[in-house]
Protein backbone atom coordinates (compact mmCIF):
# COMPACT_ATOMS: atom_id res chain seq x y z
CA UNK A 1 0.00 0.00 0.00
CA UNK A 2 2.83 2.36 0.83
CA UNK A 3 4.37 1.71 -2.60
CA UNK A 4 1.13 2.73 -4.25
CA UNK A 5 0.94 5.92 -2.21
CA UNK A 6 4.57 6.72 -2.97
CA UNK A 7 4.00 6.17 -6.69
CA UNK A 8 0.92 8.41 -6.57
CA UNK A 9 2.90 11.14 -4.82
CA UNK A 10 5.69 10.93 -7.40
CA UNK A 11 3.13 11.16 -10.18
CA UNK A 12 1.50 14.20 -8.54
CA UNK A 13 4.88 15.89 -8.15
CA UNK A 14 5.61 15.33 -11.85
CA UNK A 15 2.47 17.16 -12.94
CA UNK A 16 3.23 20.86 -13.64
CA UNK A 17 1.73 23.16 -11.03
CA UNK A 18 -0.10 25.39 -13.59
CA UNK A 19 -1.85 22.32 -15.00
CA UNK A 20 -2.91 21.26 -11.51
CA UNK A 21 -4.28 24.74 -10.78
CA UNK A 22 -5.97 24.88 -14.18
CA UNK A 23 -7.70 21.55 -13.73
CA UNK A 24 -8.63 22.61 -10.20
CA UNK A 25 -10.26 25.77 -11.55
CA UNK A 26 -12.24 23.72 -14.07
CA UNK A 27 -13.33 21.41 -11.24
CA UNK A 28 -14.49 24.42 -9.21
CA UNK A 29 -16.50 25.81 -12.15
CA UNK A 30 -18.13 22.44 -12.80
CA UNK A 31 -18.99 22.15 -9.12
CA UNK A 32 -20.59 25.60 -9.23
CA UNK A 33 -22.56 24.57 -12.31
CA UNK A 34 -23.75 21.38 -10.61
CA UNK A 35 -24.87 23.37 -7.55
CA UNK A 36 -26.69 25.84 -9.81
CA UNK A 37 -28.48 22.94 -11.51
CA UNK A 38 -29.63 21.75 -8.08
CA UNK A 39 -30.61 25.14 -6.65
CA UNK A 40 -32.31 26.82 -9.62
CA UNK A 41 -35.27 24.39 -9.78
CA UNK A 42 -36.05 25.28 -6.16
CA UNK A 43 -35.71 29.00 -6.74
CA UNK A 44 -37.68 28.98 -10.00
CA UNK A 45 -39.97 25.93 -9.80
CA UNK A 46 -41.97 26.83 -12.89
CA UNK A 47 -38.98 26.84 -15.23
CA UNK A 48 -37.52 23.73 -16.85
CA UNK A 49 -33.82 23.45 -15.99
CA UNK A 50 -33.34 20.00 -17.45
CA UNK A 51 -31.13 21.27 -20.25
CA UNK A 52 -28.77 22.89 -17.73
CA UNK A 53 -28.45 19.61 -15.83
CA UNK A 54 -27.74 17.69 -19.02
CA UNK A 55 -25.13 20.23 -20.09
CA UNK A 56 -23.36 20.19 -16.72
CA UNK A 57 -23.38 16.37 -16.54
CA UNK A 58 -21.90 16.19 -20.03
CA UNK A 59 -19.23 18.72 -19.09
CA UNK A 60 -18.22 16.51 -16.16
CA UNK A 61 -17.69 13.55 -18.48
CA UNK A 62 -15.80 15.59 -21.10
CA UNK A 63 -13.59 17.26 -18.49
CA UNK A 64 -12.81 13.91 -16.86
CA UNK A 65 -11.79 12.34 -20.19
CA UNK A 66 -9.61 15.31 -21.09
CA UNK A 67 -7.95 15.48 -17.67
CA UNK A 68 -7.22 11.75 -17.71
CA UNK A 69 -5.67 11.99 -21.19
CA UNK A 70 -3.54 15.03 -20.34
CA UNK A 71 -2.27 13.49 -17.11
CA UNK A 72 -1.57 10.15 -18.80
CA UNK A 73 0.76 11.72 -21.38
CA UNK A 74 0.94 12.58 -25.06
CA UNK A 75 0.07 9.08 -26.29
CA UNK A 76 -3.24 9.12 -24.43
CA UNK A 77 -3.91 12.66 -25.69
CA UNK A 78 -3.28 11.61 -29.30
CA UNK A 79 -5.58 8.63 -28.84
CA UNK A 80 -8.33 10.81 -27.39
CA UNK A 81 -8.14 13.25 -30.29
CA UNK A 82 -8.08 10.40 -32.81
CA UNK A 83 -11.38 9.21 -31.32
CA UNK A 84 -12.73 12.77 -31.44
CA UNK A 85 -11.70 13.05 -35.11
CA UNK A 86 -13.43 9.76 -35.89
CA UNK A 87 -16.67 10.81 -34.18
CA UNK A 88 -16.62 14.26 -35.78
CA UNK A 89 -15.95 12.82 -39.25
CA UNK A 90 -18.69 10.23 -38.80
CA UNK A 91 -21.16 12.95 -37.86
CA UNK A 92 -20.14 15.10 -40.82
CA UNK A 93 -20.43 12.26 -43.33
CA UNK A 94 -23.72 11.05 -41.83
CA UNK A 95 -25.25 14.47 -42.56
CA UNK A 96 -23.67 15.00 -45.98
CA UNK A 97 -25.43 13.77 -49.14
CA UNK A 98 -23.34 10.59 -49.49
CA UNK A 99 -24.29 8.06 -52.19
CA UNK A 100 -23.61 4.32 -52.53
CA UNK A 101 -20.93 4.96 -55.12
CA UNK A 102 -19.08 7.15 -52.60
CA UNK A 103 -18.31 4.23 -50.27
CA UNK A 104 -14.72 3.86 -51.42
CA UNK A 105 -14.05 7.55 -50.79
CA UNK A 106 -15.72 7.25 -47.38
CA UNK A 107 -13.27 4.45 -46.56
CA UNK A 108 -10.38 6.63 -47.68
CA UNK A 109 -11.61 9.46 -45.45
CA UNK A 110 -11.71 7.21 -42.39
CA UNK A 111 -8.26 5.79 -43.16
CA UNK A 112 -6.78 9.27 -42.98
CA UNK A 113 -7.40 9.23 -39.21
CA UNK A 114 -4.99 6.42 -38.24
CA UNK A 115 -2.54 7.56 -40.93
CA UNK A 116 -2.50 11.18 -39.72
CA UNK A 117 -2.24 10.40 -36.03
CA UNK A 118 0.47 7.81 -36.73
CA UNK A 119 2.51 10.58 -38.35
CA UNK A 120 1.99 12.74 -35.25
CA UNK A 121 2.95 9.84 -32.96
CA UNK A 122 6.12 9.34 -35.00
CA UNK A 123 6.82 13.10 -34.80
CA UNK A 124 6.86 13.44 -38.59
CA UNK A 125 5.69 17.01 -38.71
CA UNK A 126 6.72 17.69 -42.31
CA UNK A 127 4.83 14.68 -43.66
CA UNK A 128 1.79 15.53 -41.55
CA UNK A 129 1.68 19.04 -43.01
CA UNK A 130 1.27 17.77 -46.57
CA UNK A 131 -0.46 14.41 -46.11
CA UNK A 132 -4.11 15.52 -46.28
CA UNK A 133 -3.77 18.99 -47.89
CA UNK A 134 -1.62 17.68 -50.77
CA UNK A 135 -1.51 13.91 -51.17
CA UNK A 136 -5.03 12.97 -50.06
CA UNK A 137 -6.32 16.06 -51.87
CA UNK A 138 -4.84 14.66 -55.09
CA UNK A 139 -5.55 10.97 -54.44
CA UNK A 140 -9.26 11.22 -53.61
CA UNK A 141 -10.48 12.83 -56.88
CA UNK A 142 -8.09 10.61 -58.89
CA UNK A 143 -9.59 7.54 -57.23
CA UNK A 144 -13.09 8.84 -58.01
CA UNK A 145 -12.12 9.24 -61.67
CA UNK A 146 -10.58 5.76 -61.84
CA UNK A 147 -13.81 4.10 -60.71
CA UNK A 148 -15.89 6.24 -63.06
CA UNK A 149 -17.56 8.26 -60.31
CA UNK A 150 -18.29 11.40 -62.29
CA UNK A 151 -21.83 12.29 -61.17
CA UNK A 152 -21.50 15.35 -58.95
CA UNK A 153 -17.73 14.90 -59.25
CA UNK A 154 -16.50 18.35 -58.17
CA UNK A 155 -18.98 18.93 -55.27
CA UNK A 156 -18.28 15.42 -53.92
CA UNK A 157 -14.51 15.87 -54.07
CA UNK A 158 -14.80 19.24 -52.33
CA UNK A 159 -17.12 17.83 -49.65
CA UNK A 160 -14.75 15.03 -48.70
CA UNK A 161 -11.72 17.28 -48.69
CA UNK A 162 -13.51 19.77 -46.42
CA UNK A 163 -14.54 16.94 -44.08
CA UNK A 164 -11.00 15.55 -43.79
CA UNK A 165 -9.39 18.95 -43.38
CA UNK A 166 -11.85 20.03 -40.68
CA UNK A 167 -12.35 16.85 -38.66
CA UNK A 168 -8.91 15.26 -38.97
CA UNK A 169 -6.18 17.65 -40.10
CA UNK A 170 -7.13 20.76 -38.12
CA UNK A 171 -7.93 18.88 -34.91
CA UNK A 172 -4.61 17.06 -35.18
CA UNK A 173 -2.75 20.29 -34.44
CA UNK A 174 -4.35 20.41 -30.99
CA UNK A 175 -3.19 16.87 -30.29
CA UNK A 176 0.32 17.53 -31.60
CA UNK A 177 0.83 20.26 -29.01
CA UNK A 178 0.98 17.51 -26.40
CA UNK A 179 4.26 16.33 -27.95
CA UNK A 180 6.06 19.56 -27.08
CA UNK A 181 9.16 18.69 -25.00
CA UNK A 182 9.30 20.07 -21.48
CA UNK A 183 12.29 22.27 -22.29
CA UNK A 184 10.31 23.94 -25.10
CA UNK A 185 7.29 24.61 -22.89
CA UNK A 186 8.71 24.65 -19.35
CA UNK A 187 5.66 26.40 -17.89
CA UNK A 188 3.34 23.35 -18.06
CA UNK A 189 4.68 21.10 -20.80
CA UNK A 190 2.77 19.94 -23.85
CA UNK A 191 -0.24 19.04 -21.72
CA UNK A 192 -0.38 22.65 -20.55
CA UNK A 193 -0.43 23.90 -24.15
CA UNK A 194 -3.35 21.62 -25.01
CA UNK A 195 -5.20 22.56 -21.84
CA UNK A 196 -4.75 26.28 -22.46
CA UNK A 197 -5.92 26.02 -26.08
CA UNK A 198 -9.08 24.17 -25.02
CA UNK A 199 -9.66 26.51 -22.07
CA UNK A 200 -9.41 29.63 -24.24
CA UNK A 201 -11.55 28.15 -27.01
CA UNK A 202 -14.34 27.02 -24.70
CA UNK A 203 -14.16 30.23 -22.64
CA UNK A 204 -14.65 32.19 -25.86
CA UNK A 205 -17.79 30.19 -26.73
CA UNK A 206 -19.22 30.64 -23.23
CA UNK A 207 -18.30 34.34 -22.99
CA UNK A 208 -19.90 35.17 -26.35
CA UNK A 209 -23.05 33.32 -25.29
CA UNK A 210 -23.24 35.03 -21.88
CA UNK A 211 -22.59 38.55 -23.21
CA UNK A 212 -25.09 37.97 -25.98
CA UNK A 213 -27.74 36.92 -23.48
CA UNK A 214 -27.01 39.84 -21.17
CA UNK A 215 -26.75 42.78 -23.55
CA UNK A 216 -27.09 41.39 -27.07
CA UNK A 217 -29.24 43.51 -29.40
CA UNK A 218 -27.72 43.82 -32.88
CA UNK A 219 -27.52 40.68 -35.01
CA UNK A 220 -24.13 39.98 -36.52
CA UNK A 221 -24.89 37.09 -38.94
CA UNK A 222 -28.70 36.81 -38.87
CA UNK A 223 -28.98 34.48 -41.87
CA UNK A 224 -26.51 31.98 -40.44
CA UNK A 225 -26.88 32.24 -36.66
CA UNK A 226 -29.76 34.52 -35.57
CA UNK A 227 -28.84 34.36 -31.88
CA UNK A 228 -25.35 35.80 -32.33
CA UNK A 229 -25.00 39.53 -31.71
CA UNK A 230 -22.32 42.18 -32.05
CA UNK A 231 -22.45 42.76 -28.31
CA UNK A 232 -21.91 39.06 -27.62
CA UNK A 233 -19.08 38.86 -30.14
CA UNK A 234 -17.25 41.95 -28.81
CA UNK A 235 -17.83 41.03 -25.16
CA UNK A 236 -16.64 37.47 -25.78
CA UNK A 237 -13.62 38.70 -27.70
CA UNK A 238 -12.60 41.12 -24.92
CA UNK A 239 -13.13 38.51 -22.18
CA UNK A 240 -11.16 35.81 -24.00
CA UNK A 241 -8.38 38.19 -25.02
CA UNK A 242 -7.96 39.21 -21.37
CA UNK A 243 -7.91 35.57 -20.26
CA UNK A 244 -5.23 34.72 -22.84
CA UNK A 245 -3.13 37.77 -21.98
CA UNK A 246 -3.07 37.17 -18.23
CA UNK A 247 -3.17 33.34 -18.11
CA UNK A 248 -1.08 32.65 -21.21
CA UNK A 249 2.32 33.08 -19.53
CA UNK A 250 1.31 30.50 -16.90
CA UNK A 251 0.74 27.74 -19.45
CA UNK A 252 2.72 28.72 -22.56
CA UNK A 253 6.10 30.21 -23.51
CA UNK A 254 4.28 33.00 -25.38
CA UNK A 255 4.97 36.59 -24.40
CA UNK A 256 5.00 40.07 -25.89
CA UNK A 257 3.91 40.35 -29.52
CA UNK A 258 3.26 36.62 -29.88
CA UNK A 259 0.96 36.54 -26.87
CA UNK A 260 -0.80 39.70 -28.05
CA UNK A 261 -1.44 38.17 -31.47
CA UNK A 262 -2.88 35.00 -29.94
CA UNK A 263 -5.06 37.10 -27.62
CA UNK A 264 -6.35 39.16 -30.53
CA UNK A 265 -6.80 36.42 -33.13
CA UNK A 266 -7.87 33.28 -31.26
CA UNK A 267 -11.32 34.65 -30.27
CA UNK A 268 -11.86 35.66 -33.90
CA UNK A 269 -10.90 32.19 -35.08
CA UNK A 270 -13.26 30.59 -32.57
CA UNK A 271 -16.12 32.77 -33.77
CA UNK A 272 -15.25 31.94 -37.40
CA UNK A 273 -15.30 28.20 -36.71
CA UNK A 274 -18.66 28.40 -34.95
CA UNK A 275 -20.26 30.48 -37.70
CA UNK A 276 -18.80 28.37 -40.50
CA UNK A 277 -20.16 25.14 -39.02
CA UNK A 278 -23.51 26.85 -38.43
CA UNK A 279 -23.63 27.74 -42.13
CA UNK A 280 -22.94 24.11 -43.04
CA UNK A 281 -25.68 22.86 -40.71
CA UNK A 282 -28.15 25.37 -42.14
CA UNK A 283 -27.28 24.21 -45.63
CA UNK A 284 -27.91 20.61 -44.55
CA UNK A 285 -31.10 21.56 -42.69
CA UNK A 286 -30.06 20.38 -39.20
CA UNK A 287 -29.64 22.10 -35.83
CA UNK A 288 -27.10 19.68 -34.32
CA UNK A 289 -24.71 17.23 -35.93
CA UNK A 290 -25.97 14.45 -33.61
CA UNK A 291 -27.38 13.85 -30.13
CA UNK A 292 -24.32 12.03 -28.80
CA UNK A 293 -23.57 14.57 -26.04
CA UNK A 294 -26.70 15.36 -23.99
CA UNK A 295 -27.36 19.09 -23.86
CA UNK A 296 -24.62 19.87 -26.38
CA UNK A 297 -25.56 18.05 -29.57
CA UNK A 298 -22.78 16.19 -31.33
CA UNK A 299 -19.01 16.06 -31.08
CA UNK A 300 -18.70 18.33 -34.11
CA UNK A 301 -20.99 20.85 -32.43
CA UNK A 302 -18.61 20.88 -29.47
CA UNK A 303 -15.36 21.18 -31.46
CA UNK A 304 -16.48 23.47 -34.29
CA UNK A 305 -14.57 26.44 -32.86
CA UNK A 306 -11.55 24.24 -32.14
CA UNK A 307 -11.23 23.29 -35.81
CA UNK A 308 -10.23 26.93 -36.44
CA UNK A 309 -8.43 27.82 -33.20
CA UNK A 310 -6.18 24.72 -33.08
CA UNK A 311 -4.14 25.40 -36.25
CA UNK A 312 -3.97 29.12 -35.46
CA UNK A 313 -2.72 28.62 -31.91
CA UNK A 314 -0.30 25.89 -33.00
CA UNK A 315 1.34 27.90 -35.77
CA UNK A 316 1.53 31.15 -33.82
CA UNK A 317 3.08 29.33 -30.86
CA UNK A 318 5.57 27.53 -33.09
CA UNK A 319 6.49 30.71 -34.95
CA UNK A 320 7.01 32.93 -31.93
CA UNK A 321 8.48 30.33 -29.55
CA UNK A 322 10.15 27.52 -31.46
CA UNK A 323 11.18 28.84 -34.88
CA UNK A 324 10.79 27.12 -38.25
CA UNK A 325 9.86 23.68 -36.92
CA UNK A 326 7.91 22.74 -33.76
CA UNK A 327 10.57 20.88 -31.78
CA UNK A 328 13.98 21.53 -33.38
């Protein structure tokens, strides 16, 4: 028993302090949300708070999975994001107008997941950069032509490329942050970089929603997302930018101009990802990509902002902190 306790203490000591405090803050917020879900029905008995309970319960599960992966190391984090990519791609393709003759291309799309994450696991950054954007981009339409799949040829090729870029390639950059060596990110390691990216992205979504509910009046993209307002967008941007500016040095090696650029651009990227996916869902005639996560919709609904913020945060961090390549 003493050996187990000693091993647990050594493991706890190895976890960077900022990551411990960050996960503790998330735990505190989830606890506050759970208490609110219990108290509000008593304070306002005539109002249905079931959606709040479902959302909070789902957040507990998602936070627990993420915390376990981050604490377990980069391999577990890559595996978690590979599963997320699979679920997101499955949701996307289940909503898209896929035909029987597209089955071979569907198989190719799914095979890009193990191939891409294997490149990340092997730390082959250069190959990862060009695998989907260049080689799969060329191979998929060529394969369609070889099997005589010419009906709706260009829209189908574009649809699959968009799906693979969004659900696999872009999300992979978030996972690859976990591979950052400790000497490149001494503040909280690679796990701290992933945690901070997710924290800032989700905080941006929540802040824009809260500000929009509190003072939102003027619609910003009424045809795509009628509930989004200029007030919510600006309030969310300011809140997230402040969070990044003050908390960024605790989790990342960013500072000065690099940190300022991340603070200014990441909230914009999160908004762009949310609006872009909303436009796709409106085109497909659906509200949510699935009902997998109670209170939240589907996996793709939850990571839509991340598909834009992950590559932005990754490349800005690499450029300002590491140079030409991520881990030289």
